[in-house]
Amino acid sequence: MTGCRHCFVSGRVQGVFFRAETGQQARGLGLTGWVRNLPDGRVEVMACGKRTDVEQLCAWLWHGPDFAEVADVTCEPADDQGLDRFELR
């Protein structure tokens, strides 16, 4: 069963390789989608794939890379955007 989640991560999540490591995690799980920094300091993530793998990435977002300090993660179901890979934006 497949699904997509659209997430916003807040805290100290920019300038700590959050996008790069999110991409690495997502690709390792075989997910498609994207990750980008937002002007307000949050990181936005769209992840699609096998539901258990998407949920594993969502759980990882609460920890992030070593220097991140995650304050909050909000994820909601989303429609598949038909991407064939996971992109850093």
PDB file of N, CA and C in Angstrom:
ATOM      1  N   MET A   1       0.842  -1.183   0.000  1.00  0.00           N
ATOM      2  CA  MET A   1       0.000   0.000   0.000  1.00  0.00           C
ATOM      3  C   MET A   1       0.887   1.246   0.000  1.00  0.00           C
ATOM      4  N   THR A   2       0.563   2.195  -0.856  1.00  0.00           N
ATOM      5  CA  THR A   2       1.377   3.395  -0.974  1.00  0.00           C
ATOM      6  C   THR A   2       0.614   4.620  -0.473  1.00  0.00           C
ATOM      7  N   GLY A   3       1.377   5.660  -0.206  1.00  0.00           N
ATOM      8  CA  GLY A   3       0.776   6.901   0.257  1.00  0.00           C
ATOM      9  C   GLY A   3       1.789   8.024   0.237  1.00  0.00           C
ATOM     10  N   CYS A   4       1.294   9.226   0.479  1.00  0.00           N
ATOM     11  CA  CYS A   4       2.142  10.418   0.512  1.00  0.00           C
ATOM     12  C   CYS A   4       1.850  11.213   1.777  1.00  0.00           C
ATOM     13  N   ARG A   5       2.881  11.888   2.274  1.00  0.00           N
ATOM     14  CA  ARG A   5       2.747  12.769   3.435  1.00  0.00           C
ATOM     15  C   ARG A   5       3.443  14.084   3.128  1.00  0.00           C
ATOM     16  N   HIS A   6       2.803  15.168   3.534  1.00  0.00           N
ATOM     17  CA  HIS A   6       3.343  16.522   3.379  1.00  0.00           C
ATOM     18  C   HIS A   6       3.657  17.009   4.784  1.00  0.00           C
ATOM     19  N   CYS A   7       4.930  17.305   5.057  1.00  0.00           N
ATOM     20  CA  CYS A   7       5.369  17.607   6.414  1.00  0.00           C
ATOM     21  C   CYS A   7       6.063  18.968   6.496  1.00  0.00           C
ATOM     22  N   PHE A   8       5.954  19.567   7.673  1.00  0.00           N
ATOM     23  CA  PHE A   8       6.675  20.786   8.012  1.00  0.00           C
ATOM     24  C   PHE A   8       7.455  20.522   9.295  1.00  0.00           C
ATOM     25  N   VAL A   9       8.742  20.847   9.264  1.00  0.00           N
ATOM     26  CA  VAL A   9       9.622  20.598  10.408  1.00  0.00           C
ATOM     27  C   VAL A   9      10.132  21.948  10.903  1.00  0.00           C
ATOM     28  N   SER A  10       9.963  22.204  12.208  1.00  0.00           N
ATOM     29  CA  SER A  10      10.428  23.474  12.766  1.00  0.00           C
ATOM     30  C   SER A  10      11.457  23.225  13.862  1.00  0.00           C
ATOM     31  N   GLY A  11      12.178  24.278  14.193  1.00  0.00           N
ATOM     32  CA  GLY A  11      13.264  24.207  15.172  1.00  0.00           C
ATOM     33  C   GLY A  11      14.539  24.692  14.512  1.00  0.00           C
ATOM     34  N   ARG A  12      15.659  24.180  14.980  1.00  0.00           N
ATOM     35  CA  ARG A  12      16.947  24.496  14.341  1.00  0.00           C
ATOM     36  C   ARG A  12      17.170  23.450  13.250  1.00  0.00           C
ATOM     37  N   VAL A  13      16.590  23.719  12.076  1.00  0.00           N
ATOM     38  CA  VAL A  13      16.586  22.727  11.002  1.00  0.00           C
ATOM     39  C   VAL A  13      17.171  23.254   9.690  1.00  0.00           C
ATOM     40  N   GLN A  14      17.653  24.487   9.690  1.00  0.00           N
ATOM     41  CA  GLN A  14      18.346  25.000   8.511  1.00  0.00           C
ATOM     42  C   GLN A  14      19.801  25.246   8.882  1.00  0.00           C
ATOM     43  N   GLY A  15      20.690  24.995   7.924  1.00  0.00           N
ATOM     44  CA  GLY A  15      22.119  25.158   8.178  1.00  0.00           C
ATOM     45  C   GLY A  15      22.740  23.996   8.930  1.00  0.00           C
ATOM     46  N   VAL A  16      22.014  22.886   9.014  1.00  0.00           N
ATOM     47  CA  VAL A  16      22.519  21.697   9.725  1.00  0.00           C
ATOM     48  C   VAL A  16      22.443  20.441   8.843  1.00  0.00           C
ATOM     49  N   PHE A  17      22.404  20.647   7.524  1.00  0.00           N
ATOM     50  CA  PHE A  17      22.338  19.554   6.545  1.00  0.00           C
ATOM     51  C   PHE A  17      21.038  18.762   6.614  1.00  0.00           C
ATOM     52  N   PHE A  18      19.958  19.404   7.083  1.00  0.00           N
ATOM     53  CA  PHE A  18      18.678  18.706   7.206  1.00  0.00           C
ATOM     54  C   PHE A  18      18.160  18.258   5.841  1.00  0.00           C
ATOM     55  N   ARG A  19      18.204  19.150   4.844  1.00  0.00           N
ATOM     56  CA  ARG A  19      17.724  18.768   3.508  1.00  0.00           C
ATOM     57  C   ARG A  19      18.532  17.613   2.937  1.00  0.00           C
ATOM     58  N   ALA A  20      19.847  17.711   3.000  1.00  0.00           N
ATOM     59  CA  ALA A  20      20.700  16.676   2.418  1.00  0.00           C
ATOM     60  C   ALA A  20      20.463  15.323   3.080  1.00  0.00           C
ATOM     61  N   GLU A  21      20.375  15.313   4.397  1.00  0.00           N
ATOM     62  CA  GLU A  21      20.198  14.033   5.090  1.00  0.00           C
ATOM     63  C   GLU A  21      18.776  13.499   4.933  1.00  0.00           C
ATOM     64  N   THR A  22      17.796  14.399   4.809  1.00  0.00           N
ATOM     65  CA  THR A  22      16.431  13.944   4.526  1.00  0.00           C
ATOM     66  C   THR A  22      16.401  13.267   3.165  1.00  0.00           C
ATOM     67  N   GLY A  23      17.082  13.866   2.188  1.00  0.00           N
ATOM     68  CA  GLY A  23      17.162  13.260   0.862  1.00  0.00           C
ATOM     69  C   GLY A  23      17.823  11.896   0.892  1.00  0.00           C
ATOM     70  N   GLN A  24      18.891  11.789   1.654  1.00  0.00           N
ATOM     71  CA  GLN A  24      19.597  10.510   1.772  1.00  0.00           C
ATOM     72  C   GLN A  24      18.686   9.455   2.412  1.00  0.00           C
ATOM     73  N   GLN A  25      17.998   9.834   3.477  1.00  0.00           N
ATOM     74  CA  GLN A  25      17.076   8.902   4.146  1.00  0.00           C
ATOM     75  C   GLN A  25      15.964   8.472   3.190  1.00  0.00           C
ATOM     76  N   ALA A  26      15.370   9.442   2.502  1.00  0.00           N
ATOM     77  CA  ALA A  26      14.248   9.151   1.603  1.00  0.00           C
ATOM     78  C   ALA A  26      14.681   8.248   0.454  1.00  0.00           C
ATOM     79  N   ARG A  27      15.827   8.542  -0.141  1.00  0.00           N
ATOM     80  CA  ARG A  27      16.308   7.708  -1.244  1.00  0.00           C
ATOM     81  C   ARG A  27      16.620   6.296  -0.764  1.00  0.00           C
ATOM     82  N   GLY A  28      17.177   6.193   0.436  1.00  0.00           N
ATOM     83  CA  GLY A  28      17.466   4.878   1.000  1.00  0.00           C
ATOM     84  C   GLY A  28      16.216   4.047   1.232  1.00  0.00           C
ATOM     85  N   LEU A  29      15.100   4.728   1.458  1.00  0.00           N
ATOM     86  CA  LEU A  29      13.819   4.041   1.653  1.00  0.00           C
ATOM     87  C   LEU A  29      13.066   3.845   0.341  1.00  0.00           C
ATOM     88  N   GLY A  30      13.630   4.341  -0.757  1.00  0.00           N
ATOM     89  CA  GLY A  30      12.982   4.190  -2.057  1.00  0.00           C
ATOM     90  C   GLY A  30      11.814   5.138  -2.270  1.00  0.00           C
ATOM     91  N   LEU A  31      11.809   6.290  -1.589  1.00  0.00           N
ATOM     92  CA  LEU A  31      10.703   7.235  -1.694  1.00  0.00           C
ATOM     93  C   LEU A  31      10.921   8.241  -2.818  1.00  0.00           C
ATOM     94  N   THR A  32       9.840   8.825  -3.276  1.00  0.00           N
ATOM     95  CA  THR A  32       9.895   9.943  -4.211  1.00  0.00           C
ATOM     96  C   THR A  32       9.356  11.173  -3.489  1.00  0.00           C
ATOM     97  N   GLY A  33       9.647  12.346  -4.050  1.00  0.00           N
ATOM     98  CA  GLY A  33       9.150  13.579  -3.455  1.00  0.00           C
ATOM     99  C   GLY A  33      10.213  14.651  -3.454  1.00  0.00           C
ATOM    100  N   TRP A  34      10.197  15.519  -2.442  1.00  0.00           N
ATOM    101  CA  TRP A  34      11.150  16.623  -2.371  1.00  0.00           C
ATOM    102  C   TRP A  34      11.240  17.170  -0.949  1.00  0.00           C
ATOM    103  N   VAL A  35      12.302  17.958  -0.744  1.00  0.00           N
ATOM    104  CA  VAL A  35      12.517  18.653   0.523  1.00  0.00           C
ATOM    105  C   VAL A  35      13.056  20.034   0.191  1.00  0.00           C
ATOM    106  N   ARG A  36      12.610  21.060   0.931  1.00  0.00           N
ATOM    107  CA  ARG A  36      13.105  22.419   0.698  1.00  0.00           C
ATOM    108  C   ARG A  36      13.059  23.227   1.984  1.00  0.00           C
ATOM    109  N   ASN A  37      13.937  24.245   2.037  1.00  0.00           N
ATOM    110  CA  ASN A  37      13.916  25.209   3.134  1.00  0.00           C
ATOM    111  C   ASN A  37      12.843  26.248   2.856  1.00  0.00           C
ATOM    112  N   LEU A  38      12.200  26.721   3.905  1.00  0.00           N
ATOM    113  CA  LEU A  38      11.217  27.797   3.785  1.00  0.00           C
ATOM    114  C   LEU A  38      11.801  29.083   4.354  1.00  0.00           C
ATOM    115  N   PRO A  39      11.335  30.237   3.872  1.00  0.00           N
ATOM    116  CA  PRO A  39      11.858  31.521   4.360  1.00  0.00           C
ATOM    117  C   PRO A  39      11.677  31.733   5.869  1.00  0.00           C
ATOM    118  N   ASP A  40      10.686  31.072   6.463  1.00  0.00           N
ATOM    119  CA  ASP A  40      10.430  31.257   7.899  1.00  0.00           C
ATOM    120  C   ASP A  40      11.288  30.365   8.789  1.00  0.00           C
ATOM    121  N   GLY A  41      12.247  29.624   8.179  1.00  0.00           N
ATOM    122  CA  GLY A  41      13.158  28.800   8.966  1.00  0.00           C
ATOM    123  C   GLY A  41      12.757  27.342   9.075  1.00  0.00           C
ATOM    124  N   ARG A  42      11.575  26.988   8.591  1.00  0.00           N
ATOM    125  CA  ARG A  42      11.143  25.590   8.625  1.00  0.00           C
ATOM    126  C   ARG A  42      11.667  24.846   7.404  1.00  0.00           C
ATOM    127  N   VAL A  43      11.543  23.527   7.447  1.00  0.00           N
ATOM    128  CA  VAL A  43      11.835  22.666   6.306  1.00  0.00           C
ATOM    129  C   VAL A  43      10.521  22.001   5.912  1.00  0.00           C
ATOM    130  N   GLU A  44      10.254  21.970   4.605  1.00  0.00           N
ATOM    131  CA  GLU A  44       9.044  21.353   4.070  1.00  0.00           C
ATOM    132  C   GLU A  44       9.425  20.076   3.334  1.00  0.00           C
ATOM    133  N   VAL A  45       8.668  19.007   3.560  1.00  0.00           N
ATOM    134  CA  VAL A  45       8.971  17.705   2.967  1.00  0.00           C
ATOM    135  C   VAL A  45       7.712  17.119   2.339  1.00  0.00           C
ATOM    136  N   MET A  46       7.839  16.601   1.128  1.00  0.00           N
ATOM    137  CA  MET A  46       6.786  15.816   0.483  1.00  0.00           C
ATOM    138  C   MET A  46       7.391  14.457   0.197  1.00  0.00           C
ATOM    139  N   ALA A  47       6.796  13.402   0.729  1.00  0.00           N
ATOM    140  CA  ALA A  47       7.345  12.055   0.566  1.00  0.00           C
ATOM    141  C   ALA A  47       6.246  11.092   0.143  1.00  0.00           C
ATOM    142  N   CYS A  48       6.528  10.294  -0.889  1.00  0.00           N
ATOM    143  CA  CYS A  48       5.579   9.311  -1.398  1.00  0.00           C
ATOM    144  C   CYS A  48       6.270   7.965  -1.569  1.00  0.00           C
ATOM    145  N   GLY A  49       5.513   6.919  -1.329  1.00  0.00           N
ATOM    146  CA  GLY A  49       6.040   5.570  -1.502  1.00  0.00           C
ATOM    147  C   GLY A  49       5.247   4.588  -0.663  1.00  0.00           C
ATOM    148  N   LYS A  50       5.875   3.470  -0.377  1.00  0.00           N
ATOM    149  CA  LYS A  50       5.241   2.457   0.461  1.00  0.00           C
ATOM    150  C   LYS A  50       4.924   3.080   1.812  1.00  0.00           C
ATOM    151  N   ARG A  51       3.701   2.907   2.261  1.00  0.00           N
ATOM    152  CA  ARG A  51       3.225   3.600   3.465  1.00  0.00           C
ATOM    153  C   ARG A  51       4.136   3.409   4.681  1.00  0.00           C
ATOM    154  N   THR A  52       4.635   2.206   4.900  1.00  0.00           N
ATOM    155  CA  THR A  52       5.506   1.971   6.063  1.00  0.00           C
ATOM    156  C   THR A  52       6.827   2.730   5.926  1.00  0.00           C
ATOM    157  N   ASP A  53       7.318   2.861   4.690  1.00  0.00           N
ATOM    158  CA  ASP A  53       8.565   3.598   4.467  1.00  0.00           C
ATOM    159  C   ASP A  53       8.352   5.097   4.639  1.00  0.00           C
ATOM    160  N   VAL A  54       7.212   5.606   4.185  1.00  0.00           N
ATOM    161  CA  VAL A  54       6.888   7.023   4.380  1.00  0.00           C
ATOM    162  C   VAL A  54       6.792   7.325   5.873  1.00  0.00           C
ATOM    163  N   GLU A  55       6.141   6.461   6.621  1.00  0.00           N
ATOM    164  CA  GLU A  55       6.012   6.671   8.067  1.00  0.00           C
ATOM    165  C   GLU A  55       7.375   6.597   8.763  1.00  0.00           C
ATOM    166  N   GLN A  56       8.264   5.749   8.250  1.00  0.00           N
ATOM    167  CA  GLN A  56       9.613   5.673   8.822  1.00  0.00           C
ATOM    168  C   GLN A  56      10.349   6.997   8.615  1.00  0.00           C
ATOM    169  N   LEU A  57      10.209   7.606   7.437  1.00  0.00           N
ATOM    170  CA  LEU A  57      10.834   8.906   7.197  1.00  0.00           C
ATOM    171  C   LEU A  57      10.210   9.969   8.107  1.00  0.00           C
ATOM    172  N   CYS A  58       8.895   9.943   8.254  1.00  0.00           N
ATOM    173  CA  CYS A  58       8.227  10.920   9.127  1.00  0.00           C
ATOM    174  C   CYS A  58       8.739  10.803  10.564  1.00  0.00           C
ATOM    175  N   ALA A  59       8.970   9.596  11.028  1.00  0.00           N
ATOM    176  CA  ALA A  59       9.513   9.401  12.376  1.00  0.00           C
ATOM    177  C   ALA A  59      10.943   9.932  12.449  1.00  0.00           C
ATOM    178  N   TRP A  60      11.741   9.716  11.383  1.00  0.00           N
ATOM    179  CA  TRP A  60      13.121  10.211  11.357  1.00  0.00           C
ATOM    180  C   TRP A  60      13.162  11.730  11.422  1.00  0.00           C
ATOM    181  N   LEU A  61      12.176  12.396  10.826  1.00  0.00           N
ATOM    182  CA  LEU A  61      12.144  13.866  10.826  1.00  0.00           C
ATOM    183  C   LEU A  61      12.175  14.438  12.245  1.00  0.00           C
ATOM    184  N   TRP A  62      11.664  13.702  13.217  1.00  0.00           N
ATOM    185  CA  TRP A  62      11.674  14.165  14.621  1.00  0.00           C
ATOM    186  C   TRP A  62      13.086  14.227  15.187  1.00  0.00           C
ATOM    187  N   HIS A  63      14.032  13.506  14.568  1.00  0.00           N
ATOM    188  CA  HIS A  63      15.419  13.500  15.037  1.00  0.00           C
ATOM    189  C   HIS A  63      16.309  14.312  14.114  1.00  0.00           C
ATOM    190  N   GLY A  64      16.206  14.040  12.810  1.00  0.00           N
ATOM    191  CA  GLY A  64      17.024  14.745  11.830  1.00  0.00           C
ATOM    192  C   GLY A  64      18.502  14.453  12.007  1.00  0.00           C
ATOM    193  N   PRO A  65      19.349  15.254  11.351  1.00  0.00           N
ATOM    194  CA  PRO A  65      20.789  15.060  11.463  1.00  0.00           C
ATOM    195  C   PRO A  65      21.305  15.460  12.842  1.00  0.00           C
ATOM    196  N   ASP A  66      22.551  15.134  13.102  1.00  0.00           N
ATOM    197  CA  ASP A  66      23.143  15.316  14.432  1.00  0.00           C
ATOM    198  C   ASP A  66      22.998  16.720  15.011  1.00  0.00           C
ATOM    199  N   PHE A  67      23.179  17.767  14.205  1.00  0.00           N
ATOM    200  CA  PHE A  67      23.182  19.123  14.740  1.00  0.00           C
ATOM    201  C   PHE A  67      21.811  19.786  14.733  1.00  0.00           C
ATOM    202  N   ALA A  68      20.796  19.086  14.254  1.00  0.00           N
ATOM    203  CA  ALA A  68      19.435  19.638  14.245  1.00  0.00           C
ATOM    204  C   ALA A  68      18.839  19.609  15.646  1.00  0.00           C
ATOM    205  N   GLU A  69      17.970  20.557  15.896  1.00  0.00           N
ATOM    206  CA  GLU A  69      17.174  20.580  17.132  1.00  0.00           C
ATOM    207  C   GLU A  69      15.722  20.741  16.707  1.00  0.00           C
ATOM    208  N   VAL A  70      15.050  19.616  16.516  1.00  0.00           N
ATOM    209  CA  VAL A  70      13.678  19.621  16.018  1.00  0.00           C
ATOM    210  C   VAL A  70      12.718  19.984  17.148  1.00  0.00           C
ATOM    211  N   ALA A  71      11.903  21.014  16.907  1.00  0.00           N
ATOM    212  CA  ALA A  71      10.914  21.437  17.892  1.00  0.00           C
ATOM    213  C   ALA A  71       9.543  20.826  17.600  1.00  0.00           C
ATOM    214  N   ASP A  72       9.213  20.675  16.312  1.00  0.00           N
ATOM    215  CA  ASP A  72       7.891  20.162  15.961  1.00  0.00           C
ATOM    216  C   ASP A  72       7.904  19.609  14.543  1.00  0.00           C
ATOM    217  N   VAL A  73       7.087  18.592  14.312  1.00  0.00           N
ATOM    218  CA  VAL A  73       6.873  18.031  12.985  1.00  0.00           C
ATOM    219  C   VAL A  73       5.374  17.863  12.808  1.00  0.00           C
ATOM    220  N   THR A  74       4.837  18.429  11.745  1.00  0.00           N
ATOM    221  CA  THR A  74       3.433  18.198  11.413  1.00  0.00           C
ATOM    222  C   THR A  74       3.380  17.571  10.028  1.00  0.00           C
ATOM    223  N   CYS A  75       2.643  16.470   9.920  1.00  0.00           N
ATOM    224  CA  CYS A  75       2.495  15.759   8.653  1.00  0.00           C
ATOM    225  C   CYS A  75       1.023  15.494   8.398  1.00  0.00           C
ATOM    226  N   GLU A  76       0.649  15.611   7.134  1.00  0.00           N
ATOM    227  CA  GLU A  76      -0.728  15.305   6.756  1.00  0.00           C
ATOM    228  C   GLU A  76      -0.712  14.518   5.455  1.00  0.00           C
ATOM    229  N   PRO A  77      -1.760  13.740   5.194  1.00  0.00           N
ATOM    230  CA  PRO A  77      -1.828  13.007   3.926  1.00  0.00           C
ATOM    231  C   PRO A  77      -1.818  13.977   2.749  1.00  0.00           C
ATOM    232  N   ALA A  78      -1.256  13.528   1.641  1.00  0.00           N
ATOM    233  CA  ALA A  78      -1.164  14.363   0.448  1.00  0.00           C
ATOM    234  C   ALA A  78      -1.360  13.509  -0.793  1.00  0.00           C
ATOM    235  N   ASP A  79      -1.629  14.185  -1.908  1.00  0.00           N
ATOM    236  CA  ASP A  79      -1.766  13.507  -3.193  1.00  0.00           C
ATOM    237  C   ASP A  79      -0.388  13.276  -3.805  1.00  0.00           C
ATOM    238  N   ASP A  80      -0.250  12.168  -4.500  1.00  0.00           N
ATOM    239  CA  ASP A  80       0.995  11.860  -5.193  1.00  0.00           C
ATOM    240  C   ASP A  80       1.207  12.854  -6.325  1.00  0.00           C
ATOM    241  N   GLN A  81       2.404  13.419  -6.408  1.00  0.00           N
ATOM    242  CA  GLN A  81       2.717  14.397  -7.448  1.00  0.00           C
ATOM    243  C   GLN A  81       3.370  13.754  -8.666  1.00  0.00           C
ATOM    244  N   GLY A  82       3.477  12.444  -8.671  1.00  0.00           N
ATOM    245  CA  GLY A  82       3.975  11.721  -9.834  1.00  0.00           C
ATOM    246  C   GLY A  82       5.470  11.882 -10.106  1.00  0.00           C
ATOM    247  N   LEU A  83       6.243  12.196  -9.081  1.00  0.00           N
ATOM    248  CA  LEU A  83       7.687  12.328  -9.275  1.00  0.00           C
ATOM    249  C   LEU A  83       8.332  10.948  -9.345  1.00  0.00           C
ATOM    250  N   ASP A  84       9.478  10.873 -10.029  1.00  0.00           N
ATOM    251  CA  ASP A  84      10.142   9.580 -10.159  1.00  0.00           C
ATOM    252  C   ASP A  84      11.406   9.476  -9.314  1.00  0.00           C
ATOM    253  N   ARG A  85      11.679  10.508  -8.490  1.00  0.00           N
ATOM    254  CA  ARG A  85      12.849  10.486  -7.613  1.00  0.00           C
ATOM    255  C   ARG A  85      12.603  11.432  -6.443  1.00  0.00           C
ATOM    256  N   PHE A  86      13.565  11.493  -5.526  1.00  0.00           N
ATOM    257  CA  PHE A  86      13.465  12.422  -4.397  1.00  0.00           C
ATOM    258  C   PHE A  86      14.426  13.567  -4.639  1.00  0.00           C
ATOM    259  N   GLU A  87      13.916  14.804  -4.646  1.00  0.00           N
ATOM    260  CA  GLU A  87      14.697  15.985  -5.014  1.00  0.00           C
ATOM    261  C   GLU A  87      14.976  16.886  -3.824  1.00  0.00           C
ATOM    262  N   LEU A  88      16.151  17.519  -3.858  1.00  0.00           N
ATOM    263  CA  LEU A  88      16.453  18.617  -2.931  1.00  0.00           C
ATOM    264  C   LEU A  88      16.125  19.899  -3.678  1.00  0.00           C
ATOM    265  N   ARG A  89      15.266  20.709  -3.095  1.00  0.00           N
ATOM    266  CA  ARG A  89      14.871  21.951  -3.769  1.00  0.00           C
ATOM    267  C   ARG A  89      15.401  23.148  -3.042  1.00  0.00           C
TER     268      ARG A  89
END
